[in-house]
């Protein structure tokens, strides 16, 4: 029987599990979560243990997906699961549209209504959330979260572990450095360096708190 383990049974985990069930490739879906007791059910699927039990669960589950919205924690758990020997499938909702020339990395999730256009590349453990669009020739590096309703113009480059906030837009050709945060509904018209937070329209870097 084909089985997949979803690590994280919160809101994002539920949406990931929904996508998995819509795909219909797996006969059995189960959750791992530190905050929900084993034996509970989420969306009708069993919770079979905690994150600390991943090594033990590898005997029963060959594949797993890390369904944690926080980029750093998602990346950390991906490394843990890979070390334990899990395979990391990409999860692409049947109602997403993916160009045949696009590249989708392991452990990446593309939600319902999302569009990935020609020759765009998504790295490992990326989230492209509900109804977001990634236009042609974009590069989205590992563990970045493209939130619901985001629109990336063609040729955008986004570094690792970025957070691109809900409803924001990024003009074609713009580059955003690693670990940057783009605020909700921002309009990014110019390059943004790594490690900063940018908000507004046009997006401007928010000064760090002293």
N, C-alpha and C. Protein backbone atom coordinates (compact mmCIF):
# COMPACT_ATOMS: atom_id res chain seq x y z
N UNK A 1 0.84 -1.19 0.00
CA UNK A 1 0.00 0.00 0.00
C UNK A 1 0.88 1.25 0.00
N UNK A 2 0.56 2.23 -0.87
CA UNK A 2 1.35 3.46 -0.93
C UNK A 2 0.93 4.40 0.18
N UNK A 3 1.92 4.87 0.96
CA UNK A 3 1.65 5.68 2.14
C UNK A 3 2.49 6.94 2.09
N UNK A 4 1.94 8.04 2.63
CA UNK A 4 2.70 9.28 2.74
C UNK A 4 2.43 9.90 4.10
N UNK A 5 3.48 10.46 4.67
CA UNK A 5 3.41 11.08 5.99
C UNK A 5 3.45 12.59 5.82
N UNK A 6 2.51 13.28 6.44
CA UNK A 6 2.47 14.75 6.41
C UNK A 6 2.94 15.25 7.77
N UNK A 7 4.05 15.97 7.78
CA UNK A 7 4.63 16.47 9.03
C UNK A 7 4.06 17.86 9.29
N UNK A 8 3.16 17.92 10.27
CA UNK A 8 2.46 19.16 10.59
C UNK A 8 0.98 19.02 10.30
N UNK A 9 0.15 19.13 11.34
CA UNK A 9 -1.29 18.94 11.17
C UNK A 9 -2.07 20.21 11.46
N UNK A 10 -1.39 21.37 11.34
CA UNK A 10 -2.06 22.64 11.49
C UNK A 10 -2.79 23.03 10.22
N UNK A 11 -3.09 24.32 10.06
CA UNK A 11 -3.84 24.78 8.90
C UNK A 11 -3.14 24.47 7.59
N UNK A 12 -1.84 24.74 7.52
CA UNK A 12 -1.11 24.45 6.28
C UNK A 12 -1.07 22.95 6.02
N UNK A 13 -0.88 22.17 7.09
CA UNK A 13 -0.87 20.72 6.94
C UNK A 13 -2.18 20.18 6.39
N UNK A 14 -3.29 20.77 6.83
CA UNK A 14 -4.59 20.34 6.32
C UNK A 14 -4.70 20.59 4.82
N UNK A 15 -4.22 21.75 4.37
CA UNK A 15 -4.31 22.08 2.95
C UNK A 15 -3.41 21.16 2.13
N UNK A 16 -2.23 20.87 2.66
CA UNK A 16 -1.33 19.94 1.97
C UNK A 16 -1.97 18.55 1.88
N UNK A 17 -2.54 18.08 3.00
CA UNK A 17 -3.20 16.77 2.98
C UNK A 17 -4.37 16.74 2.01
N UNK A 18 -5.13 17.83 1.95
CA UNK A 18 -6.22 17.94 0.99
C UNK A 18 -5.70 17.75 -0.44
N UNK A 19 -4.59 18.44 -0.74
CA UNK A 19 -4.01 18.33 -2.08
C UNK A 19 -3.57 16.89 -2.37
N UNK A 20 -2.95 16.25 -1.37
CA UNK A 20 -2.51 14.87 -1.53
C UNK A 20 -3.70 13.96 -1.84
N UNK A 21 -4.78 14.15 -1.12
CA UNK A 21 -5.96 13.30 -1.35
C UNK A 21 -6.60 13.58 -2.70
N UNK A 22 -6.56 14.84 -3.14
CA UNK A 22 -7.06 15.18 -4.48
C UNK A 22 -6.22 14.52 -5.57
N UNK A 23 -4.91 14.45 -5.35
CA UNK A 23 -4.03 13.82 -6.33
C UNK A 23 -4.39 12.34 -6.50
N UNK A 24 -4.66 11.67 -5.37
CA UNK A 24 -5.12 10.28 -5.43
C UNK A 24 -4.05 9.24 -5.68
N UNK A 25 -2.80 9.62 -5.56
CA UNK A 25 -1.70 8.68 -5.81
C UNK A 25 -1.45 7.77 -4.61
N UNK A 26 -1.76 8.26 -3.41
CA UNK A 26 -1.47 7.52 -2.19
C UNK A 26 -2.75 6.94 -1.61
N UNK A 27 -2.64 5.72 -1.13
CA UNK A 27 -3.79 5.05 -0.53
C UNK A 27 -3.97 5.41 0.93
N UNK A 28 -2.89 5.83 1.58
CA UNK A 28 -2.95 6.10 3.03
C UNK A 28 -2.16 7.37 3.32
N UNK A 29 -2.82 8.31 4.02
CA UNK A 29 -2.20 9.57 4.43
C UNK A 29 -2.27 9.64 5.95
N UNK A 30 -1.14 9.99 6.57
CA UNK A 30 -1.11 10.12 8.02
C UNK A 30 -0.34 11.37 8.40
N UNK A 31 -0.60 11.86 9.62
CA UNK A 31 0.06 13.07 10.12
C UNK A 31 1.04 12.75 11.24
N UNK A 32 2.06 13.62 11.34
CA UNK A 32 2.93 13.69 12.51
C UNK A 32 2.81 15.11 13.05
N UNK A 33 2.61 15.25 14.35
CA UNK A 33 2.48 16.59 14.92
C UNK A 33 2.80 16.54 16.41
N UNK A 34 3.58 17.51 16.87
CA UNK A 34 3.96 17.53 18.29
C UNK A 34 2.82 17.97 19.20
N UNK A 35 1.82 18.65 18.65
CA UNK A 35 0.77 19.21 19.50
C UNK A 35 -0.54 18.45 19.50
N UNK A 36 -0.61 17.36 18.74
CA UNK A 36 -1.85 16.59 18.66
C UNK A 36 -1.54 15.14 19.04
N UNK A 37 -2.26 14.56 19.98
CA UNK A 37 -1.92 13.21 20.47
C UNK A 37 -2.05 12.16 19.37
N UNK A 38 -1.12 11.21 19.39
CA UNK A 38 -1.23 10.06 18.50
C UNK A 38 -2.56 9.35 18.75
N UNK A 39 -3.18 8.90 17.67
CA UNK A 39 -4.50 8.28 17.75
C UNK A 39 -5.62 9.23 17.39
N UNK A 40 -5.34 10.54 17.41
CA UNK A 40 -6.33 11.53 16.96
C UNK A 40 -6.46 11.45 15.44
N UNK A 41 -7.47 12.11 14.91
CA UNK A 41 -7.65 12.19 13.46
C UNK A 41 -7.79 13.64 13.02
N UNK A 42 -7.21 13.95 11.88
CA UNK A 42 -7.32 15.27 11.25
C UNK A 42 -7.73 15.03 9.81
N UNK A 43 -8.84 15.62 9.40
CA UNK A 43 -9.39 15.37 8.06
C UNK A 43 -9.63 13.88 7.80
N UNK A 44 -9.91 13.16 8.86
CA UNK A 44 -10.14 11.73 8.74
C UNK A 44 -8.88 10.90 8.65
N UNK A 45 -7.70 11.55 8.73
CA UNK A 45 -6.42 10.83 8.64
C UNK A 45 -5.80 10.72 10.04
N UNK A 46 -5.17 9.60 10.35
CA UNK A 46 -4.64 9.41 11.69
C UNK A 46 -3.39 10.24 11.97
N UNK A 47 -3.27 10.68 13.22
CA UNK A 47 -2.01 11.23 13.72
C UNK A 47 -1.24 10.05 14.32
N UNK A 48 -0.05 9.78 13.79
CA UNK A 48 0.65 8.55 14.16
C UNK A 48 1.87 8.77 15.05
N UNK A 49 2.13 10.01 15.42
CA UNK A 49 3.27 10.24 16.30
C UNK A 49 3.71 11.69 16.29
N UNK A 50 4.88 11.92 16.88
CA UNK A 50 5.47 13.26 16.97
C UNK A 50 6.68 13.34 16.05
N UNK A 51 7.19 14.56 15.90
CA UNK A 51 8.35 14.78 15.02
C UNK A 51 9.54 13.96 15.48
N UNK A 52 9.72 13.82 16.79
CA UNK A 52 10.85 13.05 17.30
C UNK A 52 10.81 11.58 16.95
N UNK A 53 9.67 11.10 16.44
CA UNK A 53 9.53 9.69 16.08
C UNK A 53 9.74 9.43 14.58
N UNK A 54 10.21 10.43 13.85
CA UNK A 54 10.35 10.26 12.40
C UNK A 54 11.22 9.05 12.04
N UNK A 55 12.33 8.88 12.75
CA UNK A 55 13.21 7.74 12.45
C UNK A 55 12.45 6.42 12.59
N UNK A 56 11.65 6.30 13.63
CA UNK A 56 10.91 5.05 13.86
C UNK A 56 9.83 4.85 12.80
N UNK A 57 9.23 5.95 12.33
CA UNK A 57 8.13 5.85 11.37
C UNK A 57 8.61 5.52 9.96
N UNK A 58 9.91 5.65 9.72
CA UNK A 58 10.44 5.37 8.38
C UNK A 58 10.17 3.92 7.97
N UNK A 59 10.04 3.02 8.92
CA UNK A 59 9.78 1.62 8.58
C UNK A 59 8.42 1.44 7.90
N UNK A 60 7.47 2.32 8.20
CA UNK A 60 6.12 2.19 7.66
C UNK A 60 5.79 3.18 6.55
N UNK A 61 6.59 4.24 6.44
CA UNK A 61 6.31 5.29 5.46
C UNK A 61 7.59 5.61 4.68
N UNK A 62 7.49 5.46 3.37
CA UNK A 62 8.67 5.75 2.52
C UNK A 62 8.75 7.22 2.16
N UNK A 63 7.60 7.89 2.05
CA UNK A 63 7.58 9.28 1.59
C UNK A 63 6.97 10.18 2.65
N UNK A 64 7.47 11.41 2.72
CA UNK A 64 6.86 12.38 3.62
C UNK A 64 6.97 13.78 3.04
N UNK A 65 6.08 14.64 3.51
CA UNK A 65 6.04 16.04 3.09
C UNK A 65 6.04 16.89 4.35
N UNK A 66 6.89 17.91 4.38
CA UNK A 66 6.94 18.80 5.53
C UNK A 66 5.95 19.93 5.31
N UNK A 67 4.89 19.94 6.09
CA UNK A 67 3.78 20.90 5.90
C UNK A 67 3.81 21.93 7.02
N UNK A 68 4.91 22.68 7.08
CA UNK A 68 5.12 23.72 8.08
C UNK A 68 5.33 25.03 7.34
N UNK A 69 4.54 26.05 7.67
CA UNK A 69 4.65 27.31 6.95
C UNK A 69 5.94 28.07 7.23
N UNK A 70 6.47 27.97 8.46
CA UNK A 70 7.69 28.67 8.83
C UNK A 70 8.87 28.13 8.03
N UNK A 71 9.55 29.01 7.30
CA UNK A 71 10.60 28.56 6.38
C UNK A 71 11.75 27.85 7.08
N UNK A 72 12.26 28.45 8.16
CA UNK A 72 13.39 27.85 8.84
C UNK A 72 13.08 26.49 9.42
N UNK A 73 11.93 26.39 10.06
CA UNK A 73 11.54 25.11 10.65
C UNK A 73 11.27 24.06 9.57
N UNK A 74 10.63 24.48 8.47
CA UNK A 74 10.37 23.54 7.37
C UNK A 74 11.69 23.00 6.82
N UNK A 75 12.66 23.87 6.62
CA UNK A 75 13.96 23.43 6.09
C UNK A 75 14.67 22.50 7.06
N UNK A 76 14.61 22.83 8.35
CA UNK A 76 15.24 21.97 9.37
C UNK A 76 14.63 20.57 9.37
N UNK A 77 13.30 20.51 9.29
CA UNK A 77 12.62 19.21 9.32
C UNK A 77 12.85 18.44 8.01
N UNK A 78 12.98 19.15 6.90
CA UNK A 78 13.33 18.46 5.65
C UNK A 78 14.66 17.75 5.77
N UNK A 79 15.65 18.44 6.35
CA UNK A 79 16.97 17.81 6.50
C UNK A 79 16.89 16.59 7.42
N UNK A 80 16.09 16.72 8.48
CA UNK A 80 15.92 15.59 9.41
C UNK A 80 15.28 14.40 8.71
N UNK A 81 14.24 14.67 7.91
CA UNK A 81 13.53 13.58 7.23
C UNK A 81 14.40 12.94 6.15
N UNK A 82 15.16 13.74 5.44
CA UNK A 82 16.06 13.19 4.42
C UNK A 82 17.13 12.31 5.07
N UNK A 83 17.65 12.76 6.19
CA UNK A 83 18.66 11.97 6.91
C UNK A 83 18.07 10.65 7.38
N UNK A 84 16.78 10.64 7.72
CA UNK A 84 16.11 9.41 8.16
C UNK A 84 15.81 8.47 6.99
N UNK A 85 15.98 8.96 5.75
CA UNK A 85 15.81 8.11 4.58
C UNK A 85 14.49 8.27 3.85
N UNK A 86 13.71 9.29 4.20
CA UNK A 86 12.44 9.52 3.50
C UNK A 86 12.68 10.10 2.11
N UNK A 87 11.81 9.73 1.18
CA UNK A 87 11.71 10.43 -0.10
C UNK A 87 10.78 11.61 0.08
N UNK A 88 11.06 12.68 -0.69
CA UNK A 88 10.28 13.93 -0.57
C UNK A 88 9.61 14.24 -1.91
N UNK A 89 8.37 13.81 -2.11
CA UNK A 89 7.70 14.13 -3.36
C UNK A 89 7.30 15.60 -3.42
N UNK A 90 7.25 16.16 -4.61
CA UNK A 90 6.60 17.45 -4.80
C UNK A 90 5.09 17.20 -4.83
N UNK A 91 4.34 18.08 -4.19
CA UNK A 91 2.88 17.96 -4.14
C UNK A 91 2.30 19.08 -5.00
N UNK A 92 1.65 18.70 -6.07
CA UNK A 92 1.07 19.67 -7.01
C UNK A 92 -0.42 19.41 -7.10
N UNK A 93 -1.21 20.35 -6.60
CA UNK A 93 -2.66 20.19 -6.61
C UNK A 93 -3.15 20.03 -8.05
N UNK A 94 -4.11 19.14 -8.28
CA UNK A 94 -4.63 18.94 -9.65
C UNK A 94 -5.17 20.21 -10.30
N UNK A 95 -5.56 21.20 -9.49
CA UNK A 95 -6.10 22.44 -10.05
C UNK A 95 -5.04 23.54 -10.15
N UNK A 96 -3.77 23.18 -9.99
CA UNK A 96 -2.67 24.09 -10.32
C UNK A 96 -2.31 23.90 -11.79
N UNK A 97 -1.74 24.93 -12.40
CA UNK A 97 -1.30 24.86 -13.79
C UNK A 97 0.21 25.02 -13.85
N UNK A 98 0.87 23.99 -14.34
CA UNK A 98 2.33 23.96 -14.37
C UNK A 98 2.80 23.80 -15.81
N UNK A 99 3.65 24.70 -16.27
CA UNK A 99 4.22 24.54 -17.61
C UNK A 99 5.07 23.27 -17.67
N UNK A 100 5.02 22.53 -18.77
CA UNK A 100 5.87 21.34 -18.92
C UNK A 100 7.37 21.67 -18.82
N UNK A 101 7.74 22.93 -19.10
CA UNK A 101 9.16 23.30 -19.06
C UNK A 101 9.59 23.83 -17.70
N UNK A 102 8.66 23.93 -16.74
CA UNK A 102 9.01 24.39 -15.40
C UNK A 102 9.68 23.26 -14.61
N UNK A 103 10.48 23.63 -13.63
CA UNK A 103 11.18 22.67 -12.78
C UNK A 103 10.70 22.85 -11.34
N UNK A 104 10.25 21.75 -10.72
CA UNK A 104 9.69 21.77 -9.36
C UNK A 104 10.55 20.89 -8.47
N UNK A 105 11.16 21.46 -7.43
CA UNK A 105 12.07 20.71 -6.58
C UNK A 105 11.37 19.79 -5.60
N UNK A 106 12.12 18.84 -5.06
CA UNK A 106 11.60 17.89 -4.09
C UNK A 106 11.06 18.62 -2.86
N UNK A 107 9.94 18.10 -2.34
CA UNK A 107 9.36 18.67 -1.14
C UNK A 107 8.61 19.97 -1.34
N UNK A 108 8.54 20.44 -2.57
CA UNK A 108 7.82 21.68 -2.86
C UNK A 108 6.34 21.40 -2.98
N UNK A 109 5.52 22.37 -2.58
CA UNK A 109 4.06 22.24 -2.62
C UNK A 109 3.51 23.38 -3.47
N UNK A 110 2.67 23.04 -4.45
CA UNK A 110 2.00 24.03 -5.30
C UNK A 110 0.50 23.84 -5.10
N UNK A 111 -0.16 24.86 -4.58
CA UNK A 111 -1.55 24.74 -4.15
C UNK A 111 -2.54 25.01 -5.29
N UNK A 112 -3.82 24.80 -4.97
CA UNK A 112 -4.90 24.97 -5.94
C UNK A 112 -4.92 26.39 -6.49
N UNK A 113 -5.12 26.51 -7.80
CA UNK A 113 -5.22 27.80 -8.45
C UNK A 113 -3.90 28.46 -8.77
N UNK A 114 -2.79 27.87 -8.33
CA UNK A 114 -1.48 28.46 -8.62
C UNK A 114 -1.10 28.19 -10.08
N UNK A 115 -0.28 29.08 -10.63
CA UNK A 115 0.18 28.96 -12.01
C UNK A 115 1.70 29.13 -12.01
N UNK A 116 2.40 28.17 -12.63
CA UNK A 116 3.86 28.23 -12.79
C UNK A 116 4.13 28.22 -14.29
N UNK A 117 4.72 29.30 -14.80
CA UNK A 117 4.87 29.46 -16.24
C UNK A 117 6.21 28.93 -16.76
N UNK A 118 6.41 29.09 -18.06
CA UNK A 118 7.49 28.43 -18.80
C UNK A 118 8.87 28.72 -18.21
N UNK A 119 9.63 27.62 -18.05
CA UNK A 119 11.03 27.62 -17.65
C UNK A 119 11.30 28.33 -16.33
N UNK A 120 10.30 28.37 -15.47
CA UNK A 120 10.54 28.81 -14.10
C UNK A 120 11.06 27.64 -13.29
N UNK A 121 11.82 27.97 -12.26
CA UNK A 121 12.44 26.93 -11.44
C UNK A 121 12.11 27.18 -9.97
N UNK A 122 11.52 26.18 -9.32
CA UNK A 122 11.27 26.22 -7.89
C UNK A 122 12.24 25.26 -7.22
N UNK A 123 12.91 25.72 -6.18
CA UNK A 123 13.89 24.89 -5.48
C UNK A 123 13.24 23.86 -4.58
N UNK A 124 13.97 23.44 -3.55
CA UNK A 124 13.51 22.42 -2.61
C UNK A 124 12.66 23.06 -1.52
N UNK A 125 11.57 22.38 -1.16
CA UNK A 125 10.78 22.82 -0.02
C UNK A 125 10.13 24.18 -0.16
N UNK A 126 9.85 24.58 -1.39
CA UNK A 126 9.16 25.86 -1.65
C UNK A 126 7.66 25.67 -1.45
N UNK A 127 6.97 26.71 -1.03
CA UNK A 127 5.51 26.74 -1.02
C UNK A 127 5.05 27.79 -2.02
N UNK A 128 4.24 27.39 -2.99
CA UNK A 128 3.52 28.34 -3.84
C UNK A 128 2.06 28.18 -3.47
N UNK A 129 1.56 29.14 -2.72
CA UNK A 129 0.27 28.95 -2.07
C UNK A 129 -0.90 29.29 -2.99
N UNK A 130 -2.10 29.22 -2.44
CA UNK A 130 -3.33 29.28 -3.21
C UNK A 130 -3.39 30.49 -4.15
N UNK A 131 -3.63 30.22 -5.44
CA UNK A 131 -3.87 31.25 -6.45
C UNK A 131 -2.70 32.21 -6.65
N UNK A 132 -1.49 31.80 -6.28
CA UNK A 132 -0.30 32.60 -6.60
C UNK A 132 0.15 32.29 -8.02
N UNK A 133 0.88 33.23 -8.63
CA UNK A 133 1.38 32.98 -9.98
C UNK A 133 2.87 33.32 -10.06
N UNK A 134 3.57 32.47 -10.76
CA UNK A 134 5.00 32.62 -11.00
C UNK A 134 5.19 32.65 -12.51
N UNK A 135 5.53 33.81 -13.05
CA UNK A 135 5.58 33.92 -14.50
C UNK A 135 6.87 33.31 -15.05
N UNK A 136 7.06 33.45 -16.36
CA UNK A 136 8.14 32.77 -17.07
C UNK A 136 9.52 33.13 -16.52
N UNK A 137 10.42 32.15 -16.53
CA UNK A 137 11.85 32.35 -16.26
C UNK A 137 12.15 32.84 -14.85
N UNK A 138 11.25 32.62 -13.91
CA UNK A 138 11.54 32.98 -12.52
C UNK A 138 12.39 31.89 -11.85
N UNK A 139 13.12 32.29 -10.83
CA UNK A 139 13.85 31.35 -9.98
C UNK A 139 13.50 31.62 -8.53
N UNK A 140 12.95 30.62 -7.87
CA UNK A 140 12.58 30.72 -6.46
C UNK A 140 13.41 29.70 -5.71
N UNK A 141 14.29 30.18 -4.84
CA UNK A 141 15.26 29.28 -4.19
C UNK A 141 14.61 28.52 -3.03
N UNK A 142 15.39 27.61 -2.45
CA UNK A 142 14.91 26.64 -1.46
C UNK A 142 14.20 27.31 -0.28
N UNK A 143 13.13 26.64 0.19
CA UNK A 143 12.46 26.95 1.46
C UNK A 143 11.84 28.34 1.49
N UNK A 144 11.51 28.89 0.33
CA UNK A 144 10.80 30.17 0.27
C UNK A 144 9.30 29.92 0.23
N UNK A 145 8.54 30.84 0.83
CA UNK A 145 7.09 30.74 0.87
C UNK A 145 6.50 31.88 0.03
N UNK A 146 5.85 31.51 -1.06
CA UNK A 146 5.10 32.44 -1.90
C UNK A 146 3.65 32.36 -1.43
N UNK A 147 3.18 33.36 -0.72
CA UNK A 147 1.89 33.30 -0.03
C UNK A 147 0.71 33.40 -1.01
N UNK A 148 -0.51 33.15 -0.52
CA UNK A 148 -1.68 33.21 -1.40
C UNK A 148 -1.81 34.54 -2.13
N UNK A 149 -2.17 34.45 -3.41
CA UNK A 149 -2.45 35.64 -4.20
C UNK A 149 -1.26 36.47 -4.61
N UNK A 150 -0.05 35.96 -4.41
CA UNK A 150 1.16 36.67 -4.86
C UNK A 150 1.29 36.54 -6.37
N UNK A 151 1.83 37.57 -7.02
CA UNK A 151 2.09 37.52 -8.46
C UNK A 151 3.53 37.96 -8.72
N UNK A 152 4.31 37.04 -9.31
CA UNK A 152 5.69 37.34 -9.70
C UNK A 152 5.74 37.57 -11.20
N UNK A 153 6.29 38.71 -11.63
CA UNK A 153 6.49 38.94 -13.05
C UNK A 153 7.59 38.07 -13.61
N UNK A 154 7.77 38.11 -14.91
CA UNK A 154 8.78 37.26 -15.55
C UNK A 154 10.20 37.58 -15.10
N UNK A 155 11.01 36.55 -14.99
CA UNK A 155 12.43 36.71 -14.70
C UNK A 155 12.76 37.17 -13.29
N UNK A 156 11.85 37.02 -12.35
CA UNK A 156 12.12 37.39 -10.96
C UNK A 156 13.04 36.35 -10.33
N UNK A 157 13.95 36.82 -9.47
CA UNK A 157 14.85 35.93 -8.73
C UNK A 157 14.62 36.14 -7.24
N UNK A 158 14.30 35.06 -6.53
CA UNK A 158 14.04 35.13 -5.09
C UNK A 158 14.97 34.16 -4.38
N UNK A 159 15.69 34.64 -3.37
CA UNK A 159 16.66 33.82 -2.65
C UNK A 159 16.02 32.85 -1.68
N UNK A 160 16.87 32.15 -0.94
CA UNK A 160 16.42 31.12 0.00
C UNK A 160 15.68 31.72 1.19
N UNK A 161 14.70 30.97 1.66
CA UNK A 161 13.99 31.25 2.91
C UNK A 161 13.36 32.64 2.94
N UNK A 162 12.87 33.10 1.81
CA UNK A 162 12.14 34.37 1.79
C UNK A 162 10.67 34.14 2.10
N UNK A 163 10.02 35.19 2.56
CA UNK A 163 8.59 35.20 2.81
C UNK A 163 8.00 36.30 1.94
N UNK A 164 7.20 35.92 0.95
CA UNK A 164 6.59 36.88 0.05
C UNK A 164 5.12 36.97 0.44
N UNK A 165 4.73 38.06 1.10
CA UNK A 165 3.47 38.16 1.82
C UNK A 165 2.24 38.14 0.93
N UNK A 166 1.14 37.78 1.54
CA UNK A 166 -0.13 37.57 0.84
C UNK A 166 -0.52 38.79 -0.02
N UNK A 167 -0.88 38.52 -1.25
CA UNK A 167 -1.38 39.56 -2.13
C UNK A 167 -0.34 40.52 -2.66
N UNK A 168 0.94 40.24 -2.45
CA UNK A 168 1.98 41.15 -2.94
C UNK A 168 2.29 40.87 -4.41
N UNK A 169 2.93 41.83 -5.07
CA UNK A 169 3.32 41.69 -6.46
C UNK A 169 4.80 42.08 -6.61
N UNK A 170 5.48 41.39 -7.51
CA UNK A 170 6.89 41.65 -7.75
C UNK A 170 7.08 41.91 -9.24
N UNK A 171 7.61 43.08 -9.57
CA UNK A 171 7.78 43.47 -10.98
C UNK A 171 8.78 42.56 -11.68
N UNK A 172 8.61 42.41 -12.98
CA UNK A 172 9.50 41.56 -13.78
C UNK A 172 10.96 41.97 -13.60
N UNK A 173 11.82 40.96 -13.53
CA UNK A 173 13.26 41.17 -13.46
C UNK A 173 13.81 41.54 -12.11
N UNK A 174 12.98 41.71 -11.10
CA UNK A 174 13.44 42.10 -9.77
C UNK A 174 14.13 40.94 -9.08
N UNK A 175 15.13 41.25 -8.25
CA UNK A 175 15.82 40.25 -7.44
C UNK A 175 15.59 40.55 -5.97
N UNK A 176 15.28 39.50 -5.20
CA UNK A 176 15.06 39.60 -3.76
C UNK A 176 16.03 38.66 -3.08
N UNK A 177 16.84 39.20 -2.15
CA UNK A 177 17.87 38.41 -1.51
C UNK A 177 17.35 37.44 -0.47
N UNK A 178 18.19 36.51 -0.08
CA UNK A 178 17.83 35.45 0.87
C UNK A 178 17.32 36.03 2.19
N UNK A 179 16.36 35.35 2.78
CA UNK A 179 15.81 35.67 4.10
C UNK A 179 15.10 37.02 4.16
N UNK A 180 14.72 37.56 3.01
CA UNK A 180 13.95 38.79 3.00
C UNK A 180 12.48 38.49 3.29
N UNK A 181 11.79 39.48 3.84
CA UNK A 181 10.35 39.40 4.09
C UNK A 181 9.68 40.54 3.32
N UNK A 182 8.71 40.18 2.50
CA UNK A 182 7.92 41.17 1.77
C UNK A 182 6.54 41.21 2.40
N UNK A 183 6.11 42.38 2.82
CA UNK A 183 4.86 42.52 3.54
C UNK A 183 3.64 42.27 2.68
N UNK A 184 2.52 42.00 3.33
CA UNK A 184 1.26 41.75 2.63
C UNK A 184 0.90 42.94 1.75
N UNK A 185 0.45 42.62 0.52
CA UNK A 185 -0.04 43.61 -0.44
C UNK A 185 1.04 44.60 -0.90
N UNK A 186 2.30 44.28 -0.67
CA UNK A 186 3.38 45.17 -1.12
C UNK A 186 3.52 45.10 -2.64
N UNK A 187 4.07 46.15 -3.21
CA UNK A 187 4.41 46.17 -4.63
C UNK A 187 5.90 46.36 -4.79
N UNK A 188 6.61 45.31 -5.17
CA UNK A 188 8.08 45.35 -5.23
C UNK A 188 8.49 45.76 -6.64
N UNK A 189 9.00 46.97 -6.77
CA UNK A 189 9.36 47.52 -8.08
C UNK A 189 10.87 47.52 -8.31
N UNK A 190 11.64 47.39 -7.22
CA UNK A 190 13.10 47.43 -7.33
C UNK A 190 13.70 46.29 -6.50
N UNK A 191 14.97 45.99 -6.76
CA UNK A 191 15.65 44.91 -6.04
C UNK A 191 15.61 45.15 -4.54
N UNK A 192 15.50 44.04 -3.79
CA UNK A 192 15.48 44.06 -2.33
C UNK A 192 16.63 43.20 -1.83
N UNK A 193 17.50 43.74 -0.96
CA UNK A 193 18.62 42.92 -0.47
C UNK A 193 18.15 41.86 0.51
N UNK A 194 19.03 40.92 0.82
CA UNK A 194 18.70 39.85 1.74
C UNK A 194 18.58 40.34 3.18
N UNK A 195 17.77 39.62 3.94
CA UNK A 195 17.70 39.82 5.38
C UNK A 195 16.94 41.04 5.84
N UNK A 196 16.17 41.67 4.96
CA UNK A 196 15.42 42.87 5.34
C UNK A 196 13.93 42.61 5.21
N UNK A 197 13.13 43.52 5.74
CA UNK A 197 11.69 43.52 5.56
C UNK A 197 11.30 44.74 4.73
N UNK A 198 10.52 44.51 3.68
CA UNK A 198 10.08 45.60 2.81
C UNK A 198 8.56 45.61 2.76
N UNK A 199 7.97 46.79 2.88
CA UNK A 199 6.51 46.91 2.93
C UNK A 199 6.07 48.10 2.08
N UNK A 200 4.79 48.07 1.70
CA UNK A 200 4.18 49.22 1.05
C UNK A 200 4.21 49.15 -0.46
N UNK A 201 3.68 50.22 -1.07
CA UNK A 201 3.61 50.35 -2.53
C UNK A 201 4.04 51.76 -2.92
N UNK A 202 5.25 51.89 -3.52
CA UNK A 202 6.20 50.81 -3.79
C UNK A 202 6.86 50.32 -2.49
N UNK A 203 7.31 49.08 -2.51
CA UNK A 203 7.90 48.48 -1.31
C UNK A 203 9.20 49.20 -0.94
N UNK A 204 9.28 49.57 0.34
CA UNK A 204 10.49 50.19 0.88
C UNK A 204 10.96 49.42 2.10
N UNK A 205 12.25 49.40 2.31
CA UNK A 205 12.82 48.65 3.43
C UNK A 205 12.41 49.31 4.74
N UNK A 206 11.87 48.51 5.63
CA UNK A 206 11.49 49.00 6.95
C UNK A 206 12.71 49.03 7.85
N UNK A 207 13.01 50.15 8.49
CA UNK A 207 14.21 50.21 9.36
C UNK A 207 14.13 49.17 10.46
N UNK A 208 15.28 48.60 10.77
CA UNK A 208 15.35 47.64 11.87
C UNK A 208 15.11 48.34 13.19
N UNK A 209 14.45 47.66 14.10
CA UNK A 209 14.20 48.25 15.42
C UNK A 209 15.49 48.26 16.22
N UNK A 210 15.77 49.39 16.84
CA UNK A 210 16.99 49.53 17.63
C UNK A 210 16.85 48.96 19.03
